Amino acid sequence: TLQDSNDSARKEKNIEPKTRKKRKIGREPLYVRWDTTKPISYEFADSIPQSTRHKIREAIALWELRTCVRFLENGPSVDRIEFFDGGGCSSFVGKTGGTQVFAKRC
């Protein structure tokens, strides 16, 4: 078999697989997580219409139903999400600190 041939070749040529030295890359998370013991504060930019706010609130309710993440509209935290009418659908992954914008045009 192919495996037997490879084993024989390794023995004949005294070839042993090299051990790989592990580096420290990737040990730190690429993003900061939100504190799961507190709700995530969020707010709406003035440009967000009431109908869109209603849809976002429905989506948040669904996230809360299916995950352990909780949200609080106009909560007291300095770290918060602001939904605004941006040119796309985007946000950073994790928590950036301060007001983190979320473009809602998806």
N, C-alpha and C. Protein backbone atom coordinates (compact mmCIF):
# COMPACT_ATOMS: atom_id res chain seq x y z
N THR A 1 0.84 -1.19 0.00
CA THR A 1 0.00 0.00 0.00
C THR A 1 0.88 1.24 0.00
N LEU A 2 0.25 2.33 -0.24
CA LEU A 2 0.98 3.60 -0.26
C LEU A 2 1.56 3.91 1.12
N GLN A 3 0.82 3.61 2.16
CA GLN A 3 1.29 3.86 3.52
C GLN A 3 2.54 3.02 3.81
N ASP A 4 2.52 1.73 3.40
CA ASP A 4 3.68 0.86 3.61
C ASP A 4 4.89 1.38 2.85
N SER A 5 4.69 1.86 1.61
CA SER A 5 5.79 2.41 0.81
C SER A 5 6.40 3.63 1.50
N ASN A 6 5.54 4.50 2.01
CA ASN A 6 6.03 5.70 2.70
C ASN A 6 6.80 5.33 3.95
N ASP A 7 6.30 4.35 4.71
CA ASP A 7 6.99 3.91 5.92
C ASP A 7 8.35 3.31 5.58
N SER A 8 8.41 2.50 4.50
CA SER A 8 9.67 1.88 4.09
C SER A 8 10.66 2.94 3.64
N ALA A 9 10.20 3.90 2.86
CA ALA A 9 11.09 4.96 2.38
C ALA A 9 11.64 5.77 3.54
N ARG A 10 10.81 6.02 4.52
CA ARG A 10 11.23 6.77 5.69
C ARG A 10 12.32 6.01 6.45
N LYS A 11 12.15 4.70 6.59
CA LYS A 11 13.13 3.88 7.31
C LYS A 11 14.45 3.81 6.54
N GLU A 12 14.37 3.63 5.21
CA GLU A 12 15.58 3.52 4.40
C GLU A 12 16.38 4.80 4.40
N LYS A 13 15.72 5.91 4.29
CA LYS A 13 16.42 7.20 4.20
C LYS A 13 16.56 7.86 5.56
N ASN A 14 16.09 7.18 6.59
CA ASN A 14 16.13 7.72 7.95
C ASN A 14 15.43 9.08 8.01
N ILE A 15 14.29 9.16 7.35
CA ILE A 15 13.50 10.40 7.33
C ILE A 15 12.47 10.33 8.44
N GLU A 16 12.51 11.26 9.30
CA GLU A 16 11.52 11.35 10.38
C GLU A 16 10.79 12.68 10.24
N PRO A 17 9.50 12.67 10.52
CA PRO A 17 8.78 13.94 10.45
C PRO A 17 9.33 14.95 11.46
N LYS A 18 9.45 16.18 11.03
CA LYS A 18 9.95 17.23 11.92
C LYS A 18 8.84 17.66 12.87
N THR A 19 9.23 17.97 14.07
CA THR A 19 8.24 18.51 15.01
C THR A 19 8.08 19.99 14.71
N ARG A 20 6.89 20.46 14.87
CA ARG A 20 6.57 21.84 14.55
C ARG A 20 6.61 22.66 15.83
N LYS A 21 7.34 23.76 15.81
CA LYS A 21 7.39 24.65 16.96
C LYS A 21 6.18 25.56 16.92
N LYS A 22 5.42 25.56 18.00
CA LYS A 22 4.23 26.41 18.07
C LYS A 22 4.62 27.84 18.39
N ARG A 23 3.98 28.75 17.70
CA ARG A 23 4.21 30.17 17.95
C ARG A 23 3.07 30.70 18.80
N LYS A 24 3.23 31.89 19.28
CA LYS A 24 2.23 32.49 20.15
C LYS A 24 1.17 33.27 19.39
N ILE A 25 1.18 33.19 18.09
CA ILE A 25 0.20 33.93 17.31
C ILE A 25 -1.20 33.39 17.56
N GLY A 26 -2.16 34.27 17.64
CA GLY A 26 -3.54 33.84 17.80
C GLY A 26 -3.95 33.49 19.21
N ARG A 27 -3.08 33.74 20.17
CA ARG A 27 -3.44 33.40 21.55
C ARG A 27 -4.37 34.42 22.16
N GLU A 28 -4.25 35.64 21.75
CA GLU A 28 -5.14 36.70 22.24
C GLU A 28 -6.34 36.77 21.32
N PRO A 29 -7.52 37.04 21.87
CA PRO A 29 -8.68 37.16 20.98
C PRO A 29 -8.53 38.35 20.05
N LEU A 30 -9.11 38.23 18.87
CA LEU A 30 -9.03 39.31 17.89
C LEU A 30 -9.99 40.44 18.21
N TYR A 31 -10.89 40.21 19.14
CA TYR A 31 -11.87 41.22 19.49
C TYR A 31 -12.23 41.06 20.96
N VAL A 32 -12.75 42.13 21.54
CA VAL A 32 -13.18 42.12 22.94
C VAL A 32 -14.64 41.74 22.98
N ARG A 33 -14.99 40.89 23.90
CA ARG A 33 -16.38 40.47 24.02
C ARG A 33 -17.14 41.41 24.94
N TRP A 34 -18.44 41.46 24.73
CA TRP A 34 -19.31 42.23 25.61
C TRP A 34 -19.44 41.50 26.93
N ASP A 35 -19.63 42.23 28.00
CA ASP A 35 -19.84 41.65 29.33
C ASP A 35 -21.20 40.96 29.34
N THR A 36 -21.21 39.64 29.49
CA THR A 36 -22.47 38.89 29.43
C THR A 36 -23.29 38.99 30.70
N THR A 37 -22.73 39.62 31.74
CA THR A 37 -23.50 39.77 32.98
C THR A 37 -24.36 41.03 32.96
N LYS A 38 -24.17 41.86 31.93
CA LYS A 38 -24.92 43.12 31.84
C LYS A 38 -25.57 43.21 30.46
N PRO A 39 -26.72 43.86 30.37
CA PRO A 39 -27.31 44.04 29.04
C PRO A 39 -26.49 45.01 28.21
N ILE A 40 -26.54 44.83 26.91
CA ILE A 40 -25.85 45.72 25.98
C ILE A 40 -26.76 46.92 25.71
N SER A 41 -26.27 48.09 26.03
CA SER A 41 -27.05 49.31 25.78
C SER A 41 -27.05 49.60 24.28
N TYR A 42 -28.20 50.08 23.81
CA TYR A 42 -28.27 50.47 22.40
C TYR A 42 -29.18 51.68 22.27
N GLU A 43 -28.99 52.38 21.15
CA GLU A 43 -29.80 53.57 20.86
C GLU A 43 -29.97 53.69 19.36
N PHE A 44 -30.86 54.55 18.97
CA PHE A 44 -31.12 54.80 17.55
C PHE A 44 -30.69 56.22 17.21
N ALA A 45 -30.06 56.38 16.05
CA ALA A 45 -29.79 57.72 15.54
C ALA A 45 -31.12 58.36 15.17
N ASP A 46 -31.18 59.68 15.23
CA ASP A 46 -32.42 60.39 14.92
C ASP A 46 -32.94 60.08 13.51
N SER A 47 -32.04 59.70 12.61
CA SER A 47 -32.43 59.45 11.21
C SER A 47 -33.16 58.12 11.02
N ILE A 48 -33.22 57.27 12.03
CA ILE A 48 -33.88 55.97 11.90
C ILE A 48 -35.39 56.16 12.08
N PRO A 49 -36.20 55.83 11.06
CA PRO A 49 -37.66 55.99 11.19
C PRO A 49 -38.26 55.00 12.19
N GLN A 50 -39.42 55.35 12.72
CA GLN A 50 -40.08 54.50 13.72
C GLN A 50 -40.34 53.09 13.20
N SER A 51 -40.71 52.96 11.94
CA SER A 51 -40.98 51.62 11.39
C SER A 51 -39.73 50.74 11.41
N THR A 52 -38.59 51.34 11.13
CA THR A 52 -37.33 50.60 11.16
C THR A 52 -36.93 50.27 12.60
N ARG A 53 -37.16 51.20 13.50
CA ARG A 53 -36.87 50.94 14.92
C ARG A 53 -37.67 49.74 15.41
N HIS A 54 -38.93 49.68 14.98
CA HIS A 54 -39.79 48.57 15.37
C HIS A 54 -39.20 47.23 14.88
N LYS A 55 -38.73 47.19 13.64
CA LYS A 55 -38.14 45.97 13.09
C LYS A 55 -36.87 45.58 13.84
N ILE A 56 -36.04 46.56 14.18
CA ILE A 56 -34.82 46.28 14.93
C ILE A 56 -35.15 45.76 16.32
N ARG A 57 -36.14 46.35 16.97
CA ARG A 57 -36.57 45.85 18.29
C ARG A 57 -37.07 44.41 18.20
N GLU A 58 -37.78 44.08 17.13
CA GLU A 58 -38.25 42.70 16.93
C GLU A 58 -37.06 41.74 16.76
N ALA A 59 -36.05 42.18 16.01
CA ALA A 59 -34.85 41.35 15.82
C ALA A 59 -34.12 41.15 17.15
N ILE A 60 -34.01 42.22 17.93
CA ILE A 60 -33.36 42.12 19.24
C ILE A 60 -34.12 41.16 20.15
N ALA A 61 -35.44 41.23 20.13
CA ALA A 61 -36.26 40.31 20.93
C ALA A 61 -35.99 38.86 20.53
N LEU A 62 -35.81 38.62 19.24
CA LEU A 62 -35.50 37.28 18.77
C LEU A 62 -34.12 36.83 19.24
N TRP A 63 -33.13 37.72 19.18
CA TRP A 63 -31.79 37.39 19.69
C TRP A 63 -31.86 37.04 21.17
N GLU A 64 -32.62 37.83 21.92
CA GLU A 64 -32.74 37.58 23.36
C GLU A 64 -33.43 36.24 23.63
N LEU A 65 -34.39 35.91 22.81
CA LEU A 65 -35.12 34.65 22.97
C LEU A 65 -34.22 33.44 22.72
N ARG A 66 -33.33 33.56 21.75
CA ARG A 66 -32.54 32.41 21.31
C ARG A 66 -31.10 32.39 21.81
N THR A 67 -30.69 33.43 22.54
CA THR A 67 -29.32 33.48 23.07
C THR A 67 -29.35 33.96 24.52
N CYS A 68 -28.18 34.01 25.12
CA CYS A 68 -28.08 34.54 26.49
C CYS A 68 -27.79 36.04 26.48
N VAL A 69 -27.68 36.65 25.31
CA VAL A 69 -27.37 38.07 25.18
C VAL A 69 -28.63 38.90 25.46
N ARG A 70 -28.45 39.96 26.25
CA ARG A 70 -29.56 40.85 26.60
C ARG A 70 -29.22 42.27 26.17
N PHE A 71 -30.25 43.03 25.83
CA PHE A 71 -30.09 44.41 25.36
C PHE A 71 -30.96 45.33 26.19
N LEU A 72 -30.57 46.60 26.25
CA LEU A 72 -31.34 47.61 26.97
C LEU A 72 -31.33 48.90 26.16
N GLU A 73 -32.50 49.29 25.67
CA GLU A 73 -32.58 50.51 24.87
C GLU A 73 -32.32 51.72 25.76
N ASN A 74 -31.46 52.60 25.28
CA ASN A 74 -31.06 53.82 26.00
C ASN A 74 -30.53 53.50 27.39
N GLY A 75 -29.82 52.39 27.50
CA GLY A 75 -29.23 51.99 28.78
C GLY A 75 -28.11 52.92 29.21
N PRO A 76 -27.64 52.78 30.46
CA PRO A 76 -26.69 53.73 31.03
C PRO A 76 -25.23 53.51 30.62
N SER A 77 -24.91 52.40 29.98
CA SER A 77 -23.52 52.07 29.69
C SER A 77 -22.90 53.01 28.67
N VAL A 78 -21.63 53.36 28.88
CA VAL A 78 -20.88 54.16 27.92
C VAL A 78 -20.61 53.32 26.67
N ASP A 79 -20.35 52.03 26.86
CA ASP A 79 -20.18 51.11 25.74
C ASP A 79 -21.56 50.75 25.22
N ARG A 80 -21.84 51.09 23.98
CA ARG A 80 -23.19 50.93 23.46
C ARG A 80 -23.16 50.75 21.96
N ILE A 81 -24.28 50.31 21.42
CA ILE A 81 -24.46 50.21 19.98
C ILE A 81 -25.40 51.32 19.54
N GLU A 82 -25.04 52.00 18.46
CA GLU A 82 -25.93 52.99 17.88
C GLU A 82 -26.31 52.53 16.47
N PHE A 83 -27.59 52.32 16.26
CA PHE A 83 -28.09 51.97 14.94
C PHE A 83 -28.26 53.26 14.15
N PHE A 84 -27.66 53.32 12.95
CA PHE A 84 -27.80 54.52 12.14
C PHE A 84 -28.04 54.11 10.69
N ASP A 85 -28.48 55.07 9.91
CA ASP A 85 -28.80 54.82 8.52
C ASP A 85 -27.55 55.01 7.69
N GLY A 86 -26.74 53.96 7.62
CA GLY A 86 -25.48 54.04 6.88
C GLY A 86 -25.64 53.57 5.45
N GLY A 87 -24.54 53.57 4.74
CA GLY A 87 -24.56 53.19 3.34
C GLY A 87 -24.46 51.70 3.11
N GLY A 88 -24.61 50.91 4.12
CA GLY A 88 -24.51 49.45 3.98
C GLY A 88 -24.97 48.78 5.25
N CYS A 89 -24.51 47.57 5.43
CA CYS A 89 -24.84 46.81 6.63
C CYS A 89 -23.52 46.39 7.25
N SER A 90 -23.10 47.06 8.32
CA SER A 90 -21.79 46.76 8.86
C SER A 90 -21.67 47.17 10.32
N SER A 91 -20.72 46.52 10.99
CA SER A 91 -20.32 46.86 12.33
C SER A 91 -19.04 46.09 12.61
N PHE A 92 -18.28 46.52 13.60
CA PHE A 92 -17.12 45.75 14.01
C PHE A 92 -17.59 44.50 14.74
N VAL A 93 -16.76 43.48 14.75
CA VAL A 93 -17.04 42.27 15.52
C VAL A 93 -16.57 42.51 16.94
N GLY A 94 -17.38 42.11 17.92
CA GLY A 94 -17.00 42.30 19.31
C GLY A 94 -17.29 43.71 19.77
N LYS A 95 -16.61 44.11 20.83
CA LYS A 95 -16.85 45.42 21.43
C LYS A 95 -15.65 46.32 21.17
N THR A 96 -15.89 47.50 20.63
CA THR A 96 -14.80 48.43 20.35
C THR A 96 -14.61 49.42 21.49
N GLY A 97 -15.61 49.59 22.32
CA GLY A 97 -15.54 50.57 23.41
C GLY A 97 -16.16 51.88 22.99
N GLY A 98 -16.90 52.50 23.89
CA GLY A 98 -17.62 53.72 23.55
C GLY A 98 -18.82 53.40 22.69
N THR A 99 -19.23 54.35 21.87
CA THR A 99 -20.37 54.12 20.99
C THR A 99 -19.89 53.39 19.74
N GLN A 100 -20.48 52.24 19.50
CA GLN A 100 -20.14 51.41 18.35
C GLN A 100 -21.28 51.49 17.36
N VAL A 101 -21.00 51.99 16.17
CA VAL A 101 -22.07 52.20 15.19
C VAL A 101 -22.37 50.92 14.43
N PHE A 102 -23.63 50.79 14.08
CA PHE A 102 -24.13 49.63 13.33
C PHE A 102 -24.96 50.17 12.19
N ALA A 103 -24.43 50.07 10.98
CA ALA A 103 -25.17 50.53 9.81
C ALA A 103 -26.24 49.51 9.49
N LYS A 104 -27.48 49.94 9.41
CA LYS A 104 -28.60 49.02 9.33
C LYS A 104 -29.13 48.77 7.92
N ARG A 105 -28.55 49.36 6.92
CA ARG A 105 -29.10 49.20 5.57
C ARG A 105 -28.63 47.88 4.97
N CYS A 106 -29.39 46.83 5.22
CA CYS A 106 -29.03 45.49 4.72
C CYS A 106 -29.97 45.06 3.61
